[in-house]
Amino acid sequence: MSFVNECVTDSLPLWQTSLQTPFIQELTNGSLDETKFRDYIIDDSLYLREYSKIFAWGILHAHSMEEISQYYSLLAFVNENENSTRRQYLKYFKLTDQAIQSLPLRPDNQAYVDYMLSMAKTGSGAIECMMASLPCMLSYNYIFNQVIKDPKLNKDSIFYQLISDYANLEYQNDCDKWIKFTDQLCTNLTNAEKHKYMKIFRTSSLYETKFWQMSHTTRNDVQIKNA
């Protein structure tokens, strides 16, 4: 078993907890309050802004052009794929990416990005960066592949586009590429190093669960301009 798969197996109970959160369950059957979904899109857009900085730190600490290329592909994915869908949803809610940038990250969101950035800044190289950031990518793939197979899935809801973004073959292929890159970094680890990096992966997975739990609550600082 590859080291990344070992980390996934260790964190899978947390991902399953995320799958069972009210937010994901209501997203699946289409009953989620649209205000909660709007605030999730805002929170996640702000998160992705900070998440991108992890890969900037990765580039800064890179030891090869291959590492730089991998981080560049991750930055491109966040900007061109993930942010694209979120901008569409912001438009649906009569918001713009520019308009939400002054909003603060909520505490659970801030704690999550602070943790990942601290791993990227203070780590010895690419492994810390990838261990901190991979749970976001891989847990989304796991969760939404479960969601899309759920008989309760409502394909007519406004949420379906988000679900399908993370449950398609293209995203799976991207995840496989990032897993392969990380596993290459993790060859010849000592048991102590494995324990250290698995803990980073698990901690980010826990923050993912807290993010989904946070998303079932609404913000009180969003102002919608009338068209």
Foldseek 3Di string as FASTA:
>chain_A
DFLVVVLCVVQVVLLVLLLPAPLNVCLFLQNADVLLVLQLLLLVLLLLVLLLVLLVLQCVQDDDVVSVVLSVVVNCCSVPPVVVVSQVVCVVLQHGSVRSNVPDRPPLSVVLSVLLNCQSNPPNHDLSNCLSNLLVLVSLLVSLLVSVPDPSGDCPHPSNVVSVSNPDPVSVVSSVVSSVVNSVVPPPDDPVVSVVSSVSNNVSSNSVSVSSNVSSDHDPPDDHDDD
